[in-house]
């Protein structure tokens, strides 16, 4: 059973509304920076230290983690916060959704959409590599822009931020032509 896109869109909108109203706007790309910081701290415990003179109570040798008064350094030192758990929950929720809502005949991990198969062949490894590279590019762009699609576009538009609308416009101006180029039929 697949969800109707309208039901999924309404559910997503309600989740974003509840998050903004009850906790804070949703944004997830920063949590990958926090994960990098957690790994760096495991390798070098001195990367983040407690510092009562800093606004957050923490300081980092890494200038990025130290910005905003050490806000990210504090999150590295104490990662079990709302945002980090939200990102982990997204991963678990996606896996559970895939497991419980997909028909048995659609569950093989090697299943490749027809439009991808038609353009690039039947190689699952290529599909995964392209998805990975696309994810890395989106995450890199997100950090360059100071936030991700969920923070800029979805939460931003919900709060009627001009930057959210500009970001959404830019995403579609780039994404639609790229998709057309990548997935056009041979001979067109």
N, C-alpha and C. Protein backbone atom coordinates (compact mmCIF):
# COMPACT_ATOMS: atom_id res chain seq x y z
N UNK A 1 0.84 -1.18 0.00
CA UNK A 1 0.00 0.00 0.00
C UNK A 1 0.88 1.24 0.00
N UNK A 2 0.64 2.15 -0.94
CA UNK A 2 1.34 3.42 -0.98
C UNK A 2 0.38 4.51 -0.54
N UNK A 3 0.93 5.55 0.11
CA UNK A 3 0.11 6.68 0.50
C UNK A 3 -0.17 7.52 -0.74
N UNK A 4 -1.37 8.04 -0.80
CA UNK A 4 -1.72 9.01 -1.82
C UNK A 4 -0.87 10.26 -1.57
N UNK A 5 -0.37 10.88 -2.63
CA UNK A 5 0.51 12.04 -2.45
C UNK A 5 -0.19 13.19 -1.74
N UNK A 6 -1.49 13.29 -1.91
CA UNK A 6 -2.23 14.37 -1.24
C UNK A 6 -2.26 14.14 0.27
N UNK A 7 -2.48 12.90 0.68
CA UNK A 7 -2.49 12.58 2.11
C UNK A 7 -1.10 12.78 2.69
N UNK A 8 -0.07 12.33 1.96
CA UNK A 8 1.30 12.52 2.41
C UNK A 8 1.66 13.99 2.55
N UNK A 9 1.22 14.82 1.58
CA UNK A 9 1.50 16.25 1.63
C UNK A 9 0.82 16.93 2.81
N UNK A 10 -0.43 16.55 3.06
CA UNK A 10 -1.15 17.11 4.21
C UNK A 10 -0.49 16.68 5.52
N UNK A 11 -0.11 15.40 5.61
CA UNK A 11 0.55 14.89 6.82
C UNK A 11 1.87 15.62 7.05
N UNK A 12 2.65 15.81 5.98
CA UNK A 12 3.92 16.52 6.11
C UNK A 12 3.70 17.97 6.55
N UNK A 13 2.70 18.63 5.97
CA UNK A 13 2.38 19.99 6.37
C UNK A 13 1.98 20.09 7.83
N UNK A 14 1.18 19.14 8.30
CA UNK A 14 0.76 19.13 9.71
C UNK A 14 1.95 18.90 10.64
N UNK A 15 2.87 18.03 10.23
CA UNK A 15 4.06 17.76 11.05
C UNK A 15 4.92 19.02 11.13
N UNK A 16 5.12 19.70 10.00
CA UNK A 16 5.91 20.93 10.02
C UNK A 16 5.22 22.00 10.86
N UNK A 17 3.89 22.12 10.72
CA UNK A 17 3.16 23.10 11.52
C UNK A 17 3.31 22.81 13.01
N UNK A 18 3.14 21.55 13.39
CA UNK A 18 3.27 21.17 14.80
C UNK A 18 4.68 21.46 15.32
N UNK A 19 5.69 21.14 14.51
CA UNK A 19 7.07 21.38 14.94
C UNK A 19 7.32 22.87 15.15
N UNK A 20 6.89 23.70 14.19
CA UNK A 20 7.09 25.14 14.31
C UNK A 20 6.32 25.70 15.50
N UNK A 21 5.10 25.24 15.69
CA UNK A 21 4.25 25.76 16.77
C UNK A 21 4.72 25.29 18.15
N UNK A 22 5.18 24.04 18.25
CA UNK A 22 5.48 23.47 19.57
C UNK A 22 6.95 23.50 19.96
N UNK A 23 7.85 23.38 19.00
CA UNK A 23 9.27 23.28 19.36
C UNK A 23 10.08 24.36 18.66
N UNK A 24 10.36 24.14 17.38
CA UNK A 24 11.12 25.10 16.58
C UNK A 24 11.03 24.67 15.13
N UNK A 25 11.39 25.55 14.20
CA UNK A 25 11.35 25.15 12.79
C UNK A 25 12.27 23.96 12.52
N UNK A 26 11.85 23.14 11.57
CA UNK A 26 12.62 21.95 11.23
C UNK A 26 13.75 22.33 10.27
N UNK A 27 14.91 21.80 10.52
CA UNK A 27 16.08 21.92 9.66
C UNK A 27 17.02 20.81 10.06
N UNK A 28 17.57 20.10 9.08
CA UNK A 28 18.34 18.91 9.45
C UNK A 28 19.80 18.92 9.00
N UNK A 29 20.17 19.75 8.05
CA UNK A 29 21.54 19.65 7.53
C UNK A 29 22.59 19.97 8.59
N UNK A 30 22.27 20.84 9.54
CA UNK A 30 23.21 21.17 10.61
C UNK A 30 23.58 19.93 11.42
N UNK A 31 22.66 18.99 11.52
CA UNK A 31 22.94 17.80 12.33
C UNK A 31 24.02 16.92 11.73
N UNK A 32 24.27 17.04 10.41
CA UNK A 32 25.39 16.32 9.81
C UNK A 32 26.70 16.96 10.24
N UNK A 33 26.71 18.28 10.42
CA UNK A 33 27.87 18.97 10.96
C UNK A 33 28.10 18.51 12.40
N UNK A 34 27.03 18.38 13.16
CA UNK A 34 27.14 17.92 14.54
C UNK A 34 27.69 16.50 14.58
N UNK A 35 27.21 15.64 13.67
CA UNK A 35 27.73 14.27 13.61
C UNK A 35 29.23 14.27 13.29
N UNK A 36 29.64 15.12 12.35
CA UNK A 36 31.08 15.25 12.06
C UNK A 36 31.84 15.67 13.32
N UNK A 37 31.28 16.60 14.06
CA UNK A 37 31.91 17.06 15.30
C UNK A 37 31.99 15.96 16.34
N UNK A 38 30.95 15.13 16.43
CA UNK A 38 30.96 14.00 17.38
C UNK A 38 32.08 13.03 17.02
N UNK A 39 32.23 12.76 15.72
CA UNK A 39 33.31 11.86 15.27
C UNK A 39 34.67 12.49 15.56
N UNK A 40 34.81 13.80 15.27
CA UNK A 40 36.08 14.49 15.54
C UNK A 40 36.38 14.48 17.03
N UNK A 41 35.38 14.65 17.87
CA UNK A 41 35.58 14.65 19.32
C UNK A 41 35.97 13.26 19.82
N UNK A 42 35.43 12.22 19.18
CA UNK A 42 35.82 10.86 19.56
C UNK A 42 37.29 10.61 19.23
N UNK A 43 37.77 11.19 18.12
CA UNK A 43 39.17 11.03 17.73
C UNK A 43 40.10 11.97 18.49
N UNK A 44 39.60 13.15 18.85
CA UNK A 44 40.39 14.14 19.56
C UNK A 44 39.49 14.83 20.58
N UNK A 45 39.47 14.33 21.83
CA UNK A 45 38.56 14.89 22.84
C UNK A 45 38.72 16.39 23.08
N UNK A 46 39.84 16.97 22.70
CA UNK A 46 40.06 18.40 22.92
C UNK A 46 39.38 19.29 21.89
N UNK A 47 38.72 18.71 20.88
CA UNK A 47 38.06 19.51 19.85
C UNK A 47 36.97 20.38 20.47
N UNK A 48 36.25 19.86 21.44
CA UNK A 48 35.21 20.63 22.14
C UNK A 48 35.50 20.58 23.63
N UNK A 49 35.54 21.75 24.25
CA UNK A 49 35.78 21.83 25.68
C UNK A 49 34.76 22.75 26.33
N UNK A 50 34.59 22.56 27.62
CA UNK A 50 33.69 23.43 28.36
C UNK A 50 34.38 24.77 28.60
N UNK A 51 33.63 25.85 28.46
CA UNK A 51 34.19 27.19 28.64
C UNK A 51 33.07 28.10 29.14
N UNK A 52 33.10 28.41 30.41
CA UNK A 52 32.04 29.22 31.03
C UNK A 52 31.99 30.64 30.49
N UNK A 53 33.08 31.11 29.89
CA UNK A 53 33.09 32.49 29.37
C UNK A 53 32.39 32.58 28.02
N UNK A 54 32.22 31.47 27.33
CA UNK A 54 31.56 31.47 26.03
C UNK A 54 30.05 31.42 26.23
N UNK A 55 29.32 32.01 25.33
CA UNK A 55 27.86 32.13 25.44
C UNK A 55 27.17 30.79 25.70
N UNK A 56 27.58 29.74 25.01
CA UNK A 56 26.93 28.43 25.14
C UNK A 56 27.49 27.60 26.28
N UNK A 57 28.63 28.02 26.83
CA UNK A 57 29.29 27.23 27.86
C UNK A 57 30.30 26.25 27.28
N UNK A 58 30.46 26.27 25.93
CA UNK A 58 31.40 25.37 25.26
C UNK A 58 32.19 26.14 24.22
N UNK A 59 33.38 25.63 23.93
CA UNK A 59 34.26 26.22 22.93
C UNK A 59 34.84 25.08 22.10
N UNK A 60 35.19 25.40 20.84
CA UNK A 60 35.78 24.39 19.97
C UNK A 60 37.01 24.94 19.28
N UNK A 61 37.95 24.04 18.98
CA UNK A 61 39.11 24.39 18.16
C UNK A 61 38.68 24.64 16.72
N UNK A 62 37.56 24.07 16.33
CA UNK A 62 37.02 24.21 14.98
C UNK A 62 36.21 25.51 14.91
N UNK A 63 36.61 26.44 14.04
CA UNK A 63 35.90 27.73 13.98
C UNK A 63 34.41 27.58 13.64
N UNK A 64 34.07 26.59 12.81
CA UNK A 64 32.65 26.42 12.45
C UNK A 64 31.83 26.00 13.66
N UNK A 65 32.37 25.06 14.44
CA UNK A 65 31.65 24.61 15.64
C UNK A 65 31.61 25.71 16.70
N UNK A 66 32.56 26.62 16.64
CA UNK A 66 32.66 27.68 17.64
C UNK A 66 31.79 28.89 17.32
N UNK A 67 31.24 28.96 16.09
CA UNK A 67 30.45 30.14 15.73
C UNK A 67 29.15 30.19 16.55
N UNK A 68 28.54 31.34 16.57
CA UNK A 68 27.32 31.61 17.35
C UNK A 68 27.54 31.33 18.83
N UNK A 69 28.70 31.74 19.31
CA UNK A 69 28.98 31.58 20.74
C UNK A 69 29.17 30.13 21.16
N UNK A 70 29.59 29.28 20.23
CA UNK A 70 29.83 27.87 20.56
C UNK A 70 28.57 27.01 20.56
N UNK A 71 27.53 27.50 19.89
CA UNK A 71 26.25 26.77 19.86
C UNK A 71 26.43 25.36 19.31
N UNK A 72 27.18 25.22 18.21
CA UNK A 72 27.39 23.89 17.64
C UNK A 72 28.30 23.05 18.52
N UNK A 73 29.28 23.69 19.17
CA UNK A 73 30.16 22.96 20.09
C UNK A 73 29.34 22.36 21.23
N UNK A 74 28.36 23.11 21.72
CA UNK A 74 27.48 22.59 22.78
C UNK A 74 26.70 21.38 22.28
N UNK A 75 26.22 21.43 21.04
CA UNK A 75 25.48 20.31 20.48
C UNK A 75 26.38 19.08 20.28
N UNK A 76 27.66 19.31 19.96
CA UNK A 76 28.60 18.18 19.84
C UNK A 76 28.82 17.56 21.21
N UNK A 77 28.97 18.39 22.23
CA UNK A 77 29.20 17.88 23.59
C UNK A 77 27.97 17.17 24.14
N UNK A 78 26.79 17.64 23.78
CA UNK A 78 25.52 17.05 24.26
C UNK A 78 24.61 16.80 23.06
N UNK A 79 24.88 15.73 22.28
CA UNK A 79 24.15 15.55 21.01
C UNK A 79 22.71 15.07 21.15
N UNK A 80 22.33 14.56 22.28
CA UNK A 80 20.97 14.01 22.40
C UNK A 80 19.96 15.11 22.65
N UNK A 81 19.79 15.94 21.62
CA UNK A 81 18.82 17.04 21.68
C UNK A 81 17.72 16.79 20.65
N UNK A 82 16.75 17.66 20.63
CA UNK A 82 15.61 17.52 19.73
C UNK A 82 16.02 17.33 18.28
N UNK A 83 16.91 18.18 17.78
CA UNK A 83 17.27 18.16 16.36
C UNK A 83 17.98 16.87 15.97
N UNK A 84 18.92 16.41 16.80
CA UNK A 84 19.67 15.20 16.47
C UNK A 84 18.76 13.98 16.51
N UNK A 85 17.91 13.91 17.52
CA UNK A 85 16.97 12.79 17.61
C UNK A 85 15.97 12.85 16.47
N UNK A 86 15.58 14.03 16.04
CA UNK A 86 14.67 14.18 14.90
C UNK A 86 15.27 13.57 13.64
N UNK A 87 16.57 13.84 13.38
CA UNK A 87 17.24 13.30 12.19
C UNK A 87 17.31 11.77 12.28
N UNK A 88 17.68 11.24 13.43
CA UNK A 88 17.71 9.78 13.60
C UNK A 88 16.31 9.19 13.41
N UNK A 89 15.30 9.88 13.90
CA UNK A 89 13.92 9.41 13.75
C UNK A 89 13.48 9.43 12.30
N UNK A 90 13.96 10.39 11.52
CA UNK A 90 13.64 10.42 10.09
C UNK A 90 14.16 9.16 9.40
N UNK A 91 15.37 8.76 9.74
CA UNK A 91 15.96 7.57 9.14
C UNK A 91 15.18 6.33 9.54
N UNK A 92 14.91 6.19 10.83
CA UNK A 92 14.15 5.03 11.32
C UNK A 92 12.74 5.04 10.74
N UNK A 93 12.10 6.21 10.70
CA UNK A 93 10.75 6.31 10.15
C UNK A 93 10.70 5.93 8.68
N UNK A 94 11.71 6.36 7.92
CA UNK A 94 11.78 5.99 6.51
C UNK A 94 11.91 4.49 6.32
N UNK A 95 12.75 3.86 7.14
CA UNK A 95 12.92 2.41 7.06
C UNK A 95 11.63 1.68 7.45
N UNK A 96 11.00 2.14 8.52
CA UNK A 96 9.74 1.51 8.94
C UNK A 96 8.64 1.72 7.90
N UNK A 97 8.58 2.92 7.32
CA UNK A 97 7.59 3.18 6.28
C UNK A 97 7.79 2.28 5.08
N UNK A 98 9.04 2.12 4.68
CA UNK A 98 9.35 1.24 3.53
C UNK A 98 8.97 -0.20 3.86
N UNK A 99 9.27 -0.62 5.07
CA UNK A 99 9.00 -2.01 5.46
C UNK A 99 7.50 -2.30 5.56
N UNK A 100 6.74 -1.37 6.14
CA UNK A 100 5.33 -1.64 6.41
C UNK A 100 4.36 -1.24 5.30
N UNK A 101 4.78 -0.37 4.36
CA UNK A 101 3.81 0.09 3.37
C UNK A 101 4.06 -0.41 1.96
N UNK A 102 5.20 -1.02 1.68
CA UNK A 102 5.48 -1.47 0.31
C UNK A 102 5.00 -2.90 0.11
N UNK A 103 4.41 -3.17 -1.04
CA UNK A 103 4.00 -4.54 -1.34
C UNK A 103 5.22 -5.47 -1.38
N UNK A 104 4.99 -6.73 -1.08
CA UNK A 104 6.08 -7.71 -1.04
C UNK A 104 6.87 -7.75 -2.34
N UNK A 105 6.20 -7.64 -3.48
CA UNK A 105 6.91 -7.74 -4.75
C UNK A 105 7.74 -6.50 -5.07
N UNK A 106 7.60 -5.43 -4.27
CA UNK A 106 8.37 -4.20 -4.50
C UNK A 106 9.48 -4.02 -3.47
N UNK A 107 9.69 -5.00 -2.58
CA UNK A 107 10.64 -4.84 -1.49
C UNK A 107 12.10 -5.14 -1.84
N UNK A 108 12.42 -5.82 -2.93
CA UNK A 108 13.84 -6.11 -3.17
C UNK A 108 14.67 -4.84 -3.20
N UNK A 109 15.83 -4.88 -2.57
CA UNK A 109 16.67 -3.69 -2.50
C UNK A 109 17.20 -3.30 -3.88
N UNK A 110 17.21 -4.23 -4.81
CA UNK A 110 17.74 -3.94 -6.14
C UNK A 110 16.72 -3.37 -7.10
N UNK A 111 15.49 -3.12 -6.64
CA UNK A 111 14.47 -2.62 -7.56
C UNK A 111 14.86 -1.21 -8.04
N UNK A 112 14.83 -1.03 -9.34
CA UNK A 112 15.24 0.23 -9.95
C UNK A 112 14.05 0.79 -10.71
N UNK A 113 13.72 2.07 -10.50
CA UNK A 113 12.60 2.66 -11.24
C UNK A 113 12.81 2.56 -12.75
N UNK A 114 11.72 2.43 -13.48
CA UNK A 114 11.78 2.23 -14.92
C UNK A 114 12.47 3.39 -15.63
N UNK A 115 12.19 4.65 -15.22
CA UNK A 115 12.82 5.79 -15.89
C UNK A 115 14.34 5.77 -15.72
N UNK A 116 14.82 5.28 -14.58
CA UNK A 116 16.27 5.17 -14.37
C UNK A 116 16.84 4.02 -15.21
N UNK A 117 16.15 2.90 -15.21
CA UNK A 117 16.59 1.73 -15.97
C UNK A 117 16.69 2.07 -17.47
N UNK A 118 15.69 2.80 -17.97
CA UNK A 118 15.65 3.16 -19.38
C UNK A 118 16.84 4.04 -19.76
N UNK A 119 17.23 4.95 -18.88
CA UNK A 119 18.29 5.91 -19.20
C UNK A 119 19.70 5.39 -18.87
N UNK A 120 19.84 4.68 -17.73
CA UNK A 120 21.17 4.32 -17.25
C UNK A 120 21.43 2.82 -17.15
N UNK A 121 20.43 2.01 -17.42
CA UNK A 121 20.62 0.56 -17.35
C UNK A 121 20.14 -0.03 -16.04
N UNK A 122 20.46 -1.28 -15.86
CA UNK A 122 19.90 -2.07 -14.76
C UNK A 122 20.88 -2.27 -13.60
N UNK A 123 21.88 -1.42 -13.48
CA UNK A 123 22.90 -1.60 -12.46
C UNK A 123 22.51 -0.89 -11.17
N UNK A 124 22.26 -1.69 -10.13
CA UNK A 124 21.88 -1.12 -8.83
C UNK A 124 23.03 -0.30 -8.25
N UNK A 125 24.27 -0.74 -8.45
CA UNK A 125 25.42 -0.02 -7.90
C UNK A 125 25.49 1.40 -8.47
N UNK A 126 25.22 1.55 -9.77
CA UNK A 126 25.22 2.89 -10.38
C UNK A 126 24.11 3.74 -9.78
N UNK A 127 22.94 3.16 -9.59
CA UNK A 127 21.81 3.88 -8.99
C UNK A 127 22.18 4.39 -7.60
N UNK A 128 22.78 3.52 -6.78
CA UNK A 128 23.18 3.91 -5.42
C UNK A 128 24.28 4.96 -5.46
N UNK A 129 25.23 4.82 -6.38
CA UNK A 129 26.31 5.80 -6.50
C UNK A 129 25.76 7.17 -6.89
N UNK A 130 24.84 7.20 -7.85
CA UNK A 130 24.25 8.46 -8.27
C UNK A 130 23.45 9.10 -7.12
N UNK A 131 22.71 8.28 -6.38
CA UNK A 131 21.96 8.80 -5.23
C UNK A 131 22.90 9.35 -4.17
N UNK A 132 24.01 8.65 -3.93
CA UNK A 132 24.98 9.11 -2.94
C UNK A 132 25.61 10.42 -3.36
N UNK A 133 26.05 10.51 -4.62
CA UNK A 133 26.67 11.74 -5.12
C UNK A 133 25.67 12.89 -5.07
N UNK A 134 24.42 12.63 -5.47
CA UNK A 134 23.39 13.66 -5.39
C UNK A 134 23.17 14.13 -3.96
N UNK A 135 23.16 13.20 -3.02
CA UNK A 135 22.99 13.54 -1.60
C UNK A 135 24.14 14.38 -1.08
N UNK A 136 25.36 14.02 -1.47
CA UNK A 136 26.53 14.79 -1.05
C UNK A 136 26.47 16.21 -1.61
N UNK A 137 26.09 16.34 -2.88
CA UNK A 137 25.98 17.67 -3.49
C UNK A 137 24.91 18.52 -2.81
N UNK A 138 23.77 17.90 -2.50
CA UNK A 138 22.69 18.64 -1.82
C UNK A 138 23.14 19.06 -0.43
N UNK A 139 23.80 18.16 0.30
CA UNK A 139 24.26 18.50 1.64
C UNK A 139 25.33 19.59 1.59
N UNK A 140 26.26 19.50 0.65
CA UNK A 140 27.29 20.52 0.50
C UNK A 140 26.65 21.87 0.18
N UNK A 141 25.72 21.88 -0.77
CA UNK A 141 25.02 23.12 -1.11
C UNK A 141 24.23 23.66 0.06
N UNK A 142 23.64 22.76 0.84
CA UNK A 142 22.87 23.18 2.01
C UNK A 142 23.75 23.91 3.02
N UNK A 143 24.92 23.36 3.26
CA UNK A 143 25.81 24.00 4.23
C UNK A 143 26.34 25.33 3.67
N UNK A 144 26.58 25.39 2.36
CA UNK A 144 27.03 26.64 1.75
C UNK A 144 25.94 27.71 1.88
N UNK A 145 24.68 27.29 1.80
CA UNK A 145 23.56 28.23 1.88
C UNK A 145 23.14 28.50 3.32
N UNK A 146 23.73 27.79 4.28
CA UNK A 146 23.39 27.99 5.68
C UNK A 146 22.12 27.28 6.09
N UNK A 147 21.70 26.28 5.36
CA UNK A 147 20.51 25.52 5.73
C UNK A 147 20.06 24.63 4.59
N UNK A 148 19.17 23.73 4.89
CA UNK A 148 18.75 22.72 3.91
C UNK A 148 17.35 23.02 3.37
N UNK A 149 16.87 22.12 2.53
CA UNK A 149 15.54 22.34 1.94
C UNK A 149 14.46 22.35 3.01
N UNK A 150 14.60 21.52 4.02
CA UNK A 150 13.57 21.52 5.06
C UNK A 150 13.61 22.82 5.87
N UNK A 151 14.80 23.34 6.12
CA UNK A 151 14.90 24.58 6.87
C UNK A 151 14.56 25.80 6.04
N UNK A 152 15.17 25.93 4.88
CA UNK A 152 14.96 27.10 4.04
C UNK A 152 13.58 27.09 3.38
N UNK A 153 13.30 26.00 2.68
CA UNK A 153 12.09 25.99 1.86
C UNK A 153 10.84 25.68 2.68
N UNK A 154 10.82 24.54 3.33
CA UNK A 154 9.57 24.12 3.98
C UNK A 154 9.29 24.94 5.24
N UNK A 155 10.23 24.99 6.17
CA UNK A 155 10.00 25.79 7.37
C UNK A 155 9.99 27.27 7.04
N UNK A 156 10.87 27.69 6.13
CA UNK A 156 10.95 29.11 5.77
C UNK A 156 9.67 29.61 5.13
N UNK A 157 9.14 28.83 4.18
CA UNK A 157 7.89 29.25 3.53
C UNK A 157 6.73 29.23 4.51
N UNK A 158 6.73 28.27 5.43
CA UNK A 158 5.66 28.19 6.41
C UNK A 158 5.65 29.43 7.31
N UNK A 159 6.83 30.00 7.50
CA UNK A 159 6.94 31.21 8.32
C UNK A 159 6.89 32.47 7.47
N UNK A 160 6.57 32.32 6.20
CA UNK A 160 6.48 33.40 5.20
C UNK A 160 7.77 34.21 5.09
N UNK A 161 8.90 33.51 5.20
CA UNK A 161 10.20 34.16 5.03
C UNK A 161 10.51 34.31 3.54
N UNK A 162 10.88 35.50 3.11
CA UNK A 162 11.22 35.74 1.72
C UNK A 162 12.33 34.80 1.25
N UNK A 163 13.31 34.54 2.12
CA UNK A 163 14.41 33.64 1.75
C UNK A 163 13.89 32.23 1.44
N UNK A 164 12.85 31.80 2.11
CA UNK A 164 12.25 30.48 1.83
C UNK A 164 11.66 30.43 0.44
N UNK A 165 10.97 31.48 0.03
CA UNK A 165 10.38 31.52 -1.31
C UNK A 165 11.46 31.62 -2.39
N UNK A 166 12.50 32.43 -2.13
CA UNK A 166 13.59 32.55 -3.09
C UNK A 166 14.33 31.22 -3.24
N UNK A 167 14.55 30.54 -2.12
CA UNK A 167 15.23 29.26 -2.16
C UNK A 167 14.40 28.24 -2.95
N UNK A 168 13.09 28.18 -2.70
CA UNK A 168 12.21 27.24 -3.41
C UNK A 168 12.25 27.52 -4.92
N UNK A 169 12.20 28.80 -5.28
CA UNK A 169 12.28 29.17 -6.69
C UNK A 169 13.59 28.69 -7.31
N UNK A 170 14.70 28.93 -6.61
CA UNK A 170 16.01 28.52 -7.12
C UNK A 170 16.11 27.00 -7.25
N UNK A 171 15.57 26.28 -6.29
CA UNK A 171 15.60 24.81 -6.34
C UNK A 171 14.90 24.31 -7.59
N UNK A 172 13.72 24.81 -7.86
CA UNK A 172 12.97 24.32 -9.01
C UNK A 172 13.56 24.80 -10.33
N UNK A 173 14.12 26.01 -10.36
CA UNK A 173 14.75 26.50 -11.58
C UNK A 173 15.94 25.62 -11.97
N UNK A 174 16.63 25.06 -10.98
CA UNK A 174 17.76 24.18 -11.25
C UNK A 174 17.32 22.72 -11.39
N UNK A 175 16.46 22.25 -10.50
CA UNK A 175 16.11 20.81 -10.45
C UNK A 175 15.34 20.34 -11.68
N UNK A 176 14.42 21.12 -12.17
CA UNK A 176 13.61 20.67 -13.32
C UNK A 176 14.48 20.49 -14.57
N UNK A 177 15.31 21.46 -14.97
CA UNK A 177 16.16 21.22 -16.14
C UNK A 177 17.15 20.06 -15.95
N UNK A 178 17.71 19.93 -14.75
CA UNK A 178 18.64 18.82 -14.50
C UNK A 178 17.92 17.48 -14.66
N UNK A 179 16.72 17.36 -14.11
CA UNK A 179 15.95 16.11 -14.25
C UNK A 179 15.62 15.83 -15.71
N UNK A 180 15.27 16.87 -16.46
CA UNK A 180 14.96 16.69 -17.88
C UNK A 180 16.20 16.21 -18.63
N UNK A 181 17.35 16.81 -18.34
CA UNK A 181 18.58 16.41 -19.00
C UNK A 181 18.97 14.98 -18.62
N UNK A 182 18.91 14.65 -17.33
CA UNK A 182 19.31 13.32 -16.87
C UNK A 182 18.39 12.20 -17.39
N UNK A 183 17.10 12.47 -17.42
CA UNK A 183 16.16 11.39 -17.70
C UNK A 183 15.41 11.53 -19.03
N UNK A 184 15.94 12.33 -19.96
CA UNK A 184 15.27 12.41 -21.26
C UNK A 184 15.42 11.06 -21.98
N UNK A 185 14.48 10.74 -22.80
CA UNK A 185 14.53 9.49 -23.55
C UNK A 185 15.58 9.58 -24.64
N UNK A 186 16.21 8.46 -24.92
CA UNK A 186 17.22 8.42 -25.99
C UNK A 186 16.60 8.86 -27.31
N UNK A 187 17.31 9.67 -28.07
CA UNK A 187 16.82 10.10 -29.37
C UNK A 187 15.96 11.34 -29.34
N UNK A 188 15.65 11.86 -28.17
CA UNK A 188 14.81 13.08 -28.09
C UNK A 188 15.68 14.32 -28.18
